[in-house]
Amino acid sequence: MVDPNRVIGFLDITDAWDPSLMFVMGGALAVFMPIYLLVIKKRTAPVCSERFRLSNNRMIDKKLVGGAALFGLGWGGIAGICPGPAVTSISGLNPPMLVFIAAMLLGMVIANLAVNKYGKAKPEKVGVTARS
């Protein structure tokens, strides 16, 4: 997951598709699923709050689609790596990864400034106490 060429190869299903990341995902599921079924699914409240706070917004708007497209373009199309593995690769001092992380942090700052300047999102309705 920290090799951009492998990620791009996995996402490129029309040319030289590289299915090797399926093993990474399978390994993650093999570890996560028993924990989920035995521990997480049984919870009726979150660990650090009194209740789950789920958004009631079901509208797909330009902001959502634009944000998803921008994320997908940056993750798969340009960098070929997602933020988590990029952060784990800091210790390798790989210049392209450091540029990616700097650009990611700059993007977060710009997004925060834009939200503060052009209006905050509407507050979500809270109070859902259990999963539906």
C-alpha atoms as a PDB file:
ATOM      1  CA  MET A   1       0.000   0.000   0.000  1.00  0.00           C
ATOM      2  CA  VAL A   2       2.984   2.323   0.281  1.00  0.00           C
ATOM      3  CA  ASP A   3       4.164   1.704  -3.287  1.00  0.00           C
ATOM      4  CA  PRO A   4       2.346   4.128  -5.623  1.00  0.00           C
ATOM      5  CA  ASN A   5       3.102   1.983  -8.682  1.00  0.00           C
ATOM      6  CA  ARG A   6       1.394  -1.007  -7.084  1.00  0.00           C
ATOM      7  CA  VAL A   7      -1.666   1.059  -6.123  1.00  0.00           C
ATOM      8  CA  ILE A   8      -1.947   2.535  -9.608  1.00  0.00           C
ATOM      9  CA  GLY A   9      -1.520  -0.964 -11.052  1.00  0.00           C
ATOM     10  CA  PHE A  10      -4.367  -2.201  -8.857  1.00  0.00           C
ATOM     11  CA  LEU A  11      -6.634   0.680  -9.884  1.00  0.00           C
ATOM     12  CA  ASP A  12      -5.832   0.312 -13.596  1.00  0.00           C
ATOM     13  CA  ILE A  13      -8.252  -2.456 -14.554  1.00  0.00           C
ATOM     14  CA  THR A  14      -8.062  -1.701 -18.279  1.00  0.00           C
ATOM     15  CA  ASP A  15      -4.348  -2.265 -18.910  1.00  0.00           C
ATOM     16  CA  ALA A  16      -1.817  -4.083 -16.725  1.00  0.00           C
ATOM     17  CA  TRP A  17      -3.975  -4.826 -13.686  1.00  0.00           C
ATOM     18  CA  ASP A  18      -2.041  -5.884 -10.577  1.00  0.00           C
ATOM     19  CA  PRO A  19      -4.323  -7.859  -8.216  1.00  0.00           C
ATOM     20  CA  SER A  20      -1.723  -8.179  -5.428  1.00  0.00           C
ATOM     21  CA  LEU A  21      -3.384  -5.563  -3.186  1.00  0.00           C
ATOM     22  CA  MET A  22      -6.347  -7.929  -2.817  1.00  0.00           C
ATOM     23  CA  PHE A  23      -4.130  -9.997  -0.507  1.00  0.00           C
ATOM     24  CA  VAL A  24      -3.457  -6.927   1.652  1.00  0.00           C
ATOM     25  CA  MET A  25      -7.204  -6.220   1.824  1.00  0.00           C
ATOM     26  CA  GLY A  26      -7.937  -9.885   2.542  1.00  0.00           C
ATOM     27  CA  GLY A  27      -5.398  -9.909   5.374  1.00  0.00           C
ATOM     28  CA  ALA A  28      -6.913  -6.764   6.834  1.00  0.00           C
ATOM     29  CA  LEU A  29     -10.391  -8.302   6.696  1.00  0.00           C
ATOM     30  CA  ALA A  30      -9.143 -11.526   8.293  1.00  0.00           C
ATOM     31  CA  VAL A  31      -7.896  -9.504  11.269  1.00  0.00           C
ATOM     32  CA  PHE A  32     -10.771  -7.015  11.439  1.00  0.00           C
ATOM     33  CA  MET A  33     -13.854  -9.209  10.915  1.00  0.00           C
ATOM     34  CA  PRO A  34     -13.551 -11.333  14.098  1.00  0.00           C
ATOM     35  CA  ILE A  35     -12.928  -8.209  16.174  1.00  0.00           C
ATOM     36  CA  TYR A  36     -15.879  -6.473  14.542  1.00  0.00           C
ATOM     37  CA  LEU A  37     -18.253  -9.391  15.059  1.00  0.00           C
ATOM     38  CA  LEU A  38     -17.168 -10.158  18.627  1.00  0.00           C
ATOM     39  CA  VAL A  39     -16.599  -6.645  19.999  1.00  0.00           C
ATOM     40  CA  ILE A  40     -17.653  -3.702  17.850  1.00  0.00           C
ATOM     41  CA  LYS A  41     -21.011  -4.863  16.492  1.00  0.00           C
ATOM     42  CA  LYS A  42     -22.357  -5.559  20.002  1.00  0.00           C
ATOM     43  CA  ARG A  43     -21.902  -1.945  21.116  1.00  0.00           C
ATOM     44  CA  THR A  44     -24.973   0.224  21.490  1.00  0.00           C
ATOM     45  CA  ALA A  45     -22.964   3.375  22.274  1.00  0.00           C
ATOM     46  CA  PRO A  46     -19.552   4.648  21.167  1.00  0.00           C
ATOM     47  CA  VAL A  47     -16.541   4.339  23.457  1.00  0.00           C
ATOM     48  CA  CYS A  48     -15.906   8.085  23.872  1.00  0.00           C
ATOM     49  CA  SER A  49     -19.419   9.526  23.723  1.00  0.00           C
ATOM     50  CA  GLU A  50     -22.875   8.986  25.144  1.00  0.00           C
ATOM     51  CA  ARG A  51     -24.467   8.331  21.759  1.00  0.00           C
ATOM     52  CA  PHE A  52     -23.699   7.917  18.073  1.00  0.00           C
ATOM     53  CA  ARG A  53     -23.847  11.166  16.132  1.00  0.00           C
ATOM     54  CA  LEU A  54     -24.964  10.330  12.628  1.00  0.00           C
ATOM     55  CA  SER A  55     -25.858  12.828   9.947  1.00  0.00           C
ATOM     56  CA  ASN A  56     -29.407  12.822   8.634  1.00  0.00           C
ATOM     57  CA  ASN A  57     -28.260  14.443   5.395  1.00  0.00           C
ATOM     58  CA  ARG A  58     -28.957  12.129   2.468  1.00  0.00           C
ATOM     59  CA  MET A  59     -28.565  14.749  -0.263  1.00  0.00           C
ATOM     60  CA  ILE A  60     -25.931  14.276  -2.955  1.00  0.00           C
ATOM     61  CA  ASP A  61     -24.893  17.765  -4.001  1.00  0.00           C
ATOM     62  CA  LYS A  62     -22.100  19.446  -5.969  1.00  0.00           C
ATOM     63  CA  LYS A  63     -19.978  19.853  -2.851  1.00  0.00           C
ATOM     64  CA  LEU A  64     -20.085  16.123  -2.081  1.00  0.00           C
ATOM     65  CA  VAL A  65     -19.449  15.011  -5.669  1.00  0.00           C
ATOM     66  CA  GLY A  66     -16.696  17.601  -6.142  1.00  0.00           C
ATOM     67  CA  GLY A  67     -14.970  16.614  -2.919  1.00  0.00           C
ATOM     68  CA  ALA A  68     -15.172  12.905  -3.770  1.00  0.00           C
ATOM     69  CA  ALA A  69     -13.808  13.554  -7.274  1.00  0.00           C
ATOM     70  CA  LEU A  70     -10.972  15.679  -5.922  1.00  0.00           C
ATOM     71  CA  PHE A  71     -10.079  13.034  -3.334  1.00  0.00           C
ATOM     72  CA  GLY A  72     -10.166  10.258  -5.934  1.00  0.00           C
ATOM     73  CA  LEU A  73      -8.091  12.248  -8.391  1.00  0.00           C
ATOM     74  CA  GLY A  74      -5.471  13.064  -5.782  1.00  0.00           C
ATOM     75  CA  TRP A  75      -5.365   9.590  -4.276  1.00  0.00           C
ATOM     76  CA  GLY A  76      -5.497   7.301  -7.275  1.00  0.00           C
ATOM     77  CA  GLY A  77      -4.945   9.495 -10.292  1.00  0.00           C
ATOM     78  CA  ILE A  78      -2.073  11.756  -9.309  1.00  0.00           C
ATOM     79  CA  ALA A  79      -0.258  10.307  -6.310  1.00  0.00           C
ATOM     80  CA  GLY A  80      -1.262   6.655  -6.405  1.00  0.00           C
ATOM     81  CA  ILE A  81      -1.239   6.461  -2.628  1.00  0.00           C
ATOM     82  CA  CYS A  82      -3.696   7.216   0.134  1.00  0.00           C
ATOM     83  CA  PRO A  83      -2.873   9.442   3.128  1.00  0.00           C
ATOM     84  CA  GLY A  84      -2.356   6.659   5.697  1.00  0.00           C
ATOM     85  CA  PRO A  85       0.419   4.792   3.899  1.00  0.00           C
ATOM     86  CA  ALA A  86       1.929   8.121   2.821  1.00  0.00           C
ATOM     87  CA  VAL A  87       2.336   9.147   6.457  1.00  0.00           C
ATOM     88  CA  THR A  88       3.856   5.757   7.320  1.00  0.00           C
ATOM     89  CA  SER A  89       6.455   6.279   4.599  1.00  0.00           C
ATOM     90  CA  ILE A  90       7.809   9.502   6.150  1.00  0.00           C
ATOM     91  CA  SER A  91      10.622   7.571   7.820  1.00  0.00           C
ATOM     92  CA  GLY A  92      11.966   6.594   4.383  1.00  0.00           C
ATOM     93  CA  LEU A  93      12.483  10.276   3.508  1.00  0.00           C
ATOM     94  CA  ASN A  94      11.275   9.551  -0.020  1.00  0.00           C
ATOM     95  CA  PRO A  95      11.134  12.996  -1.723  1.00  0.00           C
ATOM     96  CA  PRO A  96       7.940  12.330  -3.749  1.00  0.00           C
ATOM     97  CA  MET A  97       6.169  11.124  -0.587  1.00  0.00           C
ATOM     98  CA  LEU A  98       7.299  14.194   1.339  1.00  0.00           C
ATOM     99  CA  VAL A  99       5.968  16.401  -1.466  1.00  0.00           C
ATOM    100  CA  PHE A 100       2.671  14.474  -1.376  1.00  0.00           C
ATOM    101  CA  ILE A 101       2.360  14.906   2.403  1.00  0.00           C
ATOM    102  CA  ALA A 102       3.190  18.628   2.158  1.00  0.00           C
ATOM    103  CA  ALA A 103       0.585  19.046  -0.604  1.00  0.00           C
ATOM    104  CA  MET A 104      -1.962  17.092   1.458  1.00  0.00           C
ATOM    105  CA  LEU A 105      -1.392  19.299   4.495  1.00  0.00           C
ATOM    106  CA  LEU A 106      -1.554  22.446   2.346  1.00  0.00           C
ATOM    107  CA  GLY A 107      -4.837  21.183   0.872  1.00  0.00           C
ATOM    108  CA  MET A 108      -6.263  20.710   4.368  1.00  0.00           C
ATOM    109  CA  VAL A 109      -5.279  24.251   5.334  1.00  0.00           C
ATOM    110  CA  ILE A 110      -6.771  25.699   2.132  1.00  0.00           C
ATOM    111  CA  ALA A 111     -10.003  23.717   2.614  1.00  0.00           C
ATOM    112  CA  ASN A 112     -10.281  24.953   6.207  1.00  0.00           C
ATOM    113  CA  LEU A 113      -9.713  28.554   5.124  1.00  0.00           C
ATOM    114  CA  ALA A 114     -12.294  28.209   2.348  1.00  0.00           C
ATOM    115  CA  VAL A 115     -14.915  26.801   4.714  1.00  0.00           C
ATOM    116  CA  ASN A 116     -14.250  29.595   7.211  1.00  0.00           C
ATOM    117  CA  LYS A 117     -14.398  32.286   4.512  1.00  0.00           C
ATOM    118  CA  TYR A 118     -17.330  31.065   2.419  1.00  0.00           C
ATOM    119  CA  GLY A 119     -19.516  29.655   5.148  1.00  0.00           C
ATOM    120  CA  LYS A 120     -19.574  26.719   7.412  1.00  0.00           C
ATOM    121  CA  ALA A 121     -21.506  23.578   6.678  1.00  0.00           C
ATOM    122  CA  LYS A 122     -24.938  23.358   8.215  1.00  0.00           C
ATOM    123  CA  PRO A 123     -24.755  21.682  11.629  1.00  0.00           C
ATOM    124  CA  GLU A 124     -25.783  18.074  11.459  1.00  0.00           C
ATOM    125  CA  LYS A 125     -28.680  16.792  13.478  1.00  0.00           C
ATOM    126  CA  VAL A 126     -27.524  14.683  16.394  1.00  0.00           C
ATOM    127  CA  GLY A 127     -29.222  12.398  18.782  1.00  0.00           C
ATOM    128  CA  VAL A 128     -29.298   9.041  17.046  1.00  0.00           C
ATOM    129  CA  THR A 129     -28.810   6.577  19.859  1.00  0.00           C
ATOM    130  CA  ALA A 130     -28.497   3.289  17.985  1.00  0.00           C
ATOM    131  CA  ARG A 131     -27.616   2.028  14.581  1.00  0.00           C
ATOM    132  CA  SER A 132     -30.465   1.667  12.179  1.00  0.00           C
END
